[in-house]
Amino acid sequence: MSLRSGPILVVEDDPPIASGIVRGLKLAGFEVSLATDGRLALEAAEREKPVLVVLDLNLPEVDGFELLETWRTQLRVPVIVLTARQELEARLRSFGLGAVDYLAKPFWMEELVARIRARLHLMDEGPRRVLRWDDVSLDLDARVVSREGMGSLAFTRHELDVLVYLAERPGRALTREQIGNHALPANEERDERTVDSHIARIRKKLGPAGARIKTAWGIGYRFELPEGSA
């Protein structure tokens, strides 16, 4: 179980379901807090500082979608939606508002416990290594490139390998040979023209942020992060 301290906040207005979830989570070894409507959930989240929220969508006072929208910027903890609503629209809206998982009722308590443990385990692995510059973020662990307002970008495996190799070595002038040997597989083309083609496509996909990949004349390429990037 997670070593993080703090309760799991269960937000559920149906008394039998709420008591069953609370009992099941406590038997699994979790500390649990319960809120039976949306307004109480807002208060409990601020007071209890939960490590994770299990959230019903159809709630009195403040519904689950409103809570997700509020917590996306204020709470910043994982929210697992647990609801009788099975339509695709509700699922997509929940994920769009920041939910990390979605489980439809009826459900198995064992599955809910397993999903909670999996999510807390991911949190315990520590923060991801993410590079940010201009309007781009590069998650080095998840190997995902995103741009503000555009979401994830479509990179081929080889393009991403080249970008990661450059981005992990900011300020260094790297030869085309180094880039090819370290970022491209041995059974593929590694010549200078192939590296140049990958660089050109990467720059195009990154938009203005692609200008951070500088040409080191007579050598190869250099990746320059702006000051203050992490």
Protein backbone atom coordinates (compact mmCIF):
# COMPACT_ATOMS: atom_id res chain seq x y z
CA MET A 1 0.00 0.00 0.00
CA SER A 2 1.02 3.59 -0.52
CA LEU A 3 3.33 5.15 2.03
CA ARG A 4 1.67 8.50 1.49
CA SER A 5 -0.15 9.81 4.57
CA GLY A 6 -3.72 11.02 4.40
CA PRO A 7 -7.18 9.59 3.81
CA ILE A 8 -9.02 8.50 0.73
CA LEU A 9 -12.04 10.78 0.36
CA VAL A 10 -15.17 8.90 -0.74
CA VAL A 11 -17.88 11.15 -2.19
CA GLU A 12 -21.11 9.13 -2.40
CA ASP A 13 -24.69 10.07 -1.50
CA ASP A 14 -26.26 6.58 -1.54
CA PRO A 15 -26.00 5.32 2.09
CA PRO A 16 -25.70 1.56 1.41
CA ILE A 17 -23.11 2.08 -1.34
CA ALA A 18 -21.20 4.64 0.73
CA SER A 19 -21.02 2.39 3.80
CA GLY A 20 -19.93 -0.56 1.65
CA ILE A 21 -17.11 1.43 0.04
CA VAL A 22 -15.91 2.83 3.37
CA ARG A 23 -15.97 -0.61 4.96
CA GLY A 24 -14.16 -2.23 2.03
CA LEU A 25 -11.43 0.39 1.93
CA LYS A 26 -10.86 0.21 5.66
CA LEU A 27 -10.59 -3.58 5.47
CA ALA A 28 -7.98 -3.07 2.75
CA GLY A 29 -5.96 -0.93 5.16
CA PHE A 30 -6.80 2.56 3.97
CA GLU A 31 -7.72 5.58 6.05
CA VAL A 32 -11.08 6.81 4.76
CA SER A 33 -13.16 10.00 4.93
CA LEU A 34 -16.75 10.22 3.64
CA ALA A 35 -18.75 13.10 2.15
CA THR A 36 -22.38 12.55 1.20
CA ASP A 37 -22.94 15.56 -1.04
CA GLY A 38 -20.90 17.90 -3.21
CA ARG A 39 -20.76 20.79 -0.78
CA LEU A 40 -19.54 18.56 2.05
CA ALA A 41 -16.99 17.12 -0.39
CA LEU A 42 -15.52 20.56 -1.02
CA GLU A 43 -15.21 21.16 2.71
CA ALA A 44 -13.78 17.70 3.40
CA ALA A 45 -11.19 18.01 0.63
CA GLU A 46 -9.90 21.27 2.08
CA ARG A 47 -9.97 19.96 5.65
CA GLU A 48 -8.77 16.37 5.24
CA LYS A 49 -6.09 16.81 2.52
CA PRO A 50 -6.88 13.44 0.90
CA VAL A 51 -4.32 11.52 -1.16
CA LEU A 52 -7.03 10.30 -3.57
CA VAL A 53 -10.76 10.85 -4.17
CA VAL A 54 -13.41 8.29 -5.15
CA LEU A 55 -16.17 10.40 -6.69
CA ASP A 56 -19.78 9.76 -7.68
CA LEU A 57 -21.08 12.07 -10.40
CA ASN A 58 -24.76 12.37 -9.50
CA LEU A 59 -24.59 14.30 -6.24
CA PRO A 60 -26.84 16.79 -4.46
CA GLU A 61 -25.74 20.40 -3.89
CA VAL A 62 -22.69 20.31 -6.21
CA ASP A 63 -22.43 17.58 -8.85
CA GLY A 64 -19.36 15.53 -9.66
CA PHE A 65 -18.47 17.43 -12.82
CA GLU A 66 -18.38 20.71 -10.92
CA LEU A 67 -16.17 19.11 -8.28
CA LEU A 68 -13.78 17.82 -10.93
CA GLU A 69 -13.55 21.26 -12.49
CA THR A 70 -12.83 22.88 -9.12
CA TRP A 71 -10.35 20.26 -7.97
CA ARG A 72 -8.42 20.25 -11.23
CA THR A 73 -6.77 23.51 -10.18
CA GLN A 74 -7.27 23.56 -6.40
CA LEU A 75 -6.84 20.01 -5.09
CA ARG A 76 -4.42 18.37 -7.53
CA VAL A 77 -4.88 14.79 -6.30
CA PRO A 78 -6.01 11.81 -8.40
CA VAL A 79 -9.78 11.36 -8.71
CA ILE A 80 -11.35 8.02 -9.59
CA VAL A 81 -14.92 8.44 -10.82
CA LEU A 82 -17.28 5.73 -9.53
CA THR A 83 -20.74 6.17 -11.01
CA ALA A 84 -23.80 4.50 -12.46
CA ARG A 85 -23.39 6.62 -15.59
CA GLN A 86 -21.99 4.41 -18.32
CA GLU A 87 -22.39 6.62 -21.40
CA LEU A 88 -19.29 7.60 -23.35
CA GLU A 89 -20.04 11.32 -23.01
CA ALA A 90 -19.79 11.15 -19.20
CA ARG A 91 -16.53 9.21 -19.43
CA LEU A 92 -14.93 11.65 -21.86
CA ARG A 93 -16.11 14.67 -19.90
CA SER A 94 -14.72 13.21 -16.67
CA PHE A 95 -11.31 12.56 -18.20
CA GLY A 96 -11.36 15.99 -19.81
CA LEU A 97 -11.87 17.51 -16.36
CA GLY A 98 -8.93 15.65 -14.88
CA ALA A 99 -10.22 12.29 -13.63
CA VAL A 100 -7.51 9.61 -13.71
CA ASP A 101 -9.85 6.59 -13.83
CA TYR A 102 -13.52 5.74 -14.38
CA LEU A 103 -15.35 2.77 -12.90
CA ALA A 104 -19.04 2.10 -13.61
CA LYS A 105 -21.52 0.70 -11.10
CA PRO A 106 -22.23 -2.07 -10.31
CA PHE A 107 -18.60 -2.81 -9.45
CA TRP A 108 -16.43 -5.24 -7.55
CA MET A 109 -14.88 -3.86 -4.39
CA GLU A 110 -11.71 -5.81 -5.14
CA GLU A 111 -11.34 -3.99 -8.46
CA LEU A 112 -11.79 -0.57 -6.85
CA VAL A 113 -9.12 -1.42 -4.25
CA ALA A 114 -6.77 -2.63 -7.00
CA ARG A 115 -7.24 0.56 -9.01
CA ILE A 116 -6.60 2.73 -5.97
CA ARG A 117 -3.45 0.82 -5.06
CA ALA A 118 -2.18 1.04 -8.64
CA ARG A 119 -2.71 4.79 -8.71
CA LEU A 120 -1.05 5.38 -5.34
CA HIS A 121 1.85 3.15 -6.37
CA LEU A 122 2.42 5.34 -9.41
CA MET A 123 2.44 8.41 -7.16
CA ASP A 124 4.98 6.78 -4.83
CA GLU A 125 7.39 6.22 -7.71
CA GLY A 126 8.17 9.91 -7.52
CA PRO A 127 7.69 12.81 -9.89
CA ARG A 128 8.13 12.27 -13.59
CA ARG A 129 11.07 13.82 -15.39
CA VAL A 130 9.50 16.52 -17.52
CA LEU A 131 11.28 19.14 -19.62
CA ARG A 132 9.32 22.29 -20.47
CA TRP A 133 10.25 25.02 -22.91
CA ASP A 134 8.17 27.61 -24.73
CA ASP A 135 4.76 25.92 -25.22
CA VAL A 136 6.11 22.35 -25.18
CA SER A 137 6.45 19.73 -22.46
CA LEU A 138 8.46 16.54 -22.93
CA ASP A 139 7.72 13.78 -20.42
CA LEU A 140 10.93 11.76 -20.49
CA ASP A 141 9.45 8.85 -18.52
CA ALA A 142 6.12 8.56 -20.32
CA ARG A 143 7.78 9.52 -23.63
CA VAL A 144 5.02 11.97 -24.50
CA VAL A 145 5.44 15.36 -26.18
CA SER A 146 2.66 17.93 -25.73
CA ARG A 147 1.97 21.49 -26.85
CA GLU A 148 -0.29 23.92 -25.08
CA GLY A 149 -3.69 24.00 -26.70
CA MET A 150 -2.88 20.99 -28.91
CA GLY A 151 -2.40 18.11 -26.52
CA SER A 152 -0.06 15.22 -27.32
CA LEU A 153 1.88 15.34 -30.57
CA ALA A 154 2.29 12.39 -32.92
CA PHE A 155 5.96 11.42 -33.02
CA THR A 156 7.43 8.28 -34.51
CA ARG A 157 9.60 6.19 -32.21
CA HIS A 158 12.77 7.27 -34.01
CA GLU A 159 11.82 10.96 -33.96
CA LEU A 160 11.13 10.75 -30.24
CA ASP A 161 14.41 8.91 -29.63
CA VAL A 162 16.31 11.68 -31.40
CA LEU A 163 14.47 14.44 -29.52
CA VAL A 164 15.03 12.78 -26.14
CA TYR A 165 18.72 12.23 -26.89
CA LEU A 166 19.16 15.92 -27.71
CA ALA A 167 16.96 17.24 -24.90
CA GLU A 168 18.78 15.20 -22.25
CA ARG A 169 22.05 16.88 -23.31
CA PRO A 170 21.21 20.59 -23.48
CA GLY A 171 23.96 22.93 -24.61
CA ARG A 172 26.13 20.19 -26.09
CA ALA A 173 27.05 20.18 -29.77
CA LEU A 174 26.36 16.62 -30.92
CA THR A 175 27.57 15.22 -34.21
CA ARG A 176 25.18 13.55 -36.60
CA GLU A 177 27.14 10.37 -36.05
CA GLN A 178 26.61 10.56 -32.28
CA ILE A 179 22.90 11.20 -32.72
CA GLY A 180 22.50 8.37 -35.21
CA ASN A 181 24.52 5.85 -33.18
CA HIS A 182 22.77 6.57 -29.89
CA ALA A 183 19.21 7.38 -30.96
CA LEU A 184 18.62 5.16 -34.00
CA PRO A 185 18.64 1.35 -34.11
CA ALA A 186 21.57 -0.47 -35.67
CA ASN A 187 19.41 -2.14 -38.31
CA GLU A 188 18.11 1.20 -39.64
CA GLU A 189 19.73 3.95 -41.68
CA ARG A 190 21.97 6.15 -39.53
CA ASP A 191 23.61 8.34 -42.15
CA GLU A 192 23.69 12.13 -42.00
CA ARG A 193 20.75 12.59 -44.35
CA THR A 194 18.57 10.34 -42.18
CA VAL A 195 19.45 12.32 -39.04
CA ASP A 196 18.78 15.58 -40.87
CA SER A 197 15.38 14.31 -42.01
CA HIS A 198 14.42 13.37 -38.44
CA ILE A 199 15.52 16.78 -37.16
CA ALA A 200 13.50 18.58 -39.85
CA ARG A 201 10.33 16.66 -38.97
CA ILE A 202 10.86 17.20 -35.23
CA ARG A 203 11.29 20.95 -35.70
CA LYS A 204 8.15 21.13 -37.81
CA LYS A 205 6.03 19.24 -35.27
CA LEU A 206 7.29 21.37 -32.38
CA GLY A 207 6.38 24.59 -34.17
CA PRO A 208 8.18 27.71 -32.91
CA ALA A 209 9.64 25.68 -30.02
CA GLY A 210 11.53 23.61 -32.59
CA ALA A 211 13.91 26.54 -33.00
CA ARG A 212 15.53 25.38 -29.76
CA ILE A 213 17.22 22.68 -31.85
CA LYS A 214 20.11 24.69 -33.28
CA THR A 215 22.34 23.70 -36.15
CA ALA A 216 25.95 23.47 -34.97
CA TRP A 217 27.65 24.26 -38.27
CA GLY A 218 30.29 21.76 -39.26
CA ILE A 219 29.32 19.50 -36.34
CA GLY A 220 25.65 18.60 -36.06
CA TYR A 221 22.97 19.87 -33.69
CA ARG A 222 22.62 21.44 -30.24
CA PHE A 223 19.53 21.65 -28.05
CA GLU A 224 19.22 24.90 -26.11
CA LEU A 225 16.76 25.12 -23.23
CA PRO A 226 15.73 28.62 -22.17
CA GLU A 227 16.78 29.77 -18.73
CA GLY A 228 14.55 28.56 -15.95
CA SER A 229 13.32 25.47 -17.80
CA ALA A 230 12.89 22.29 -15.74
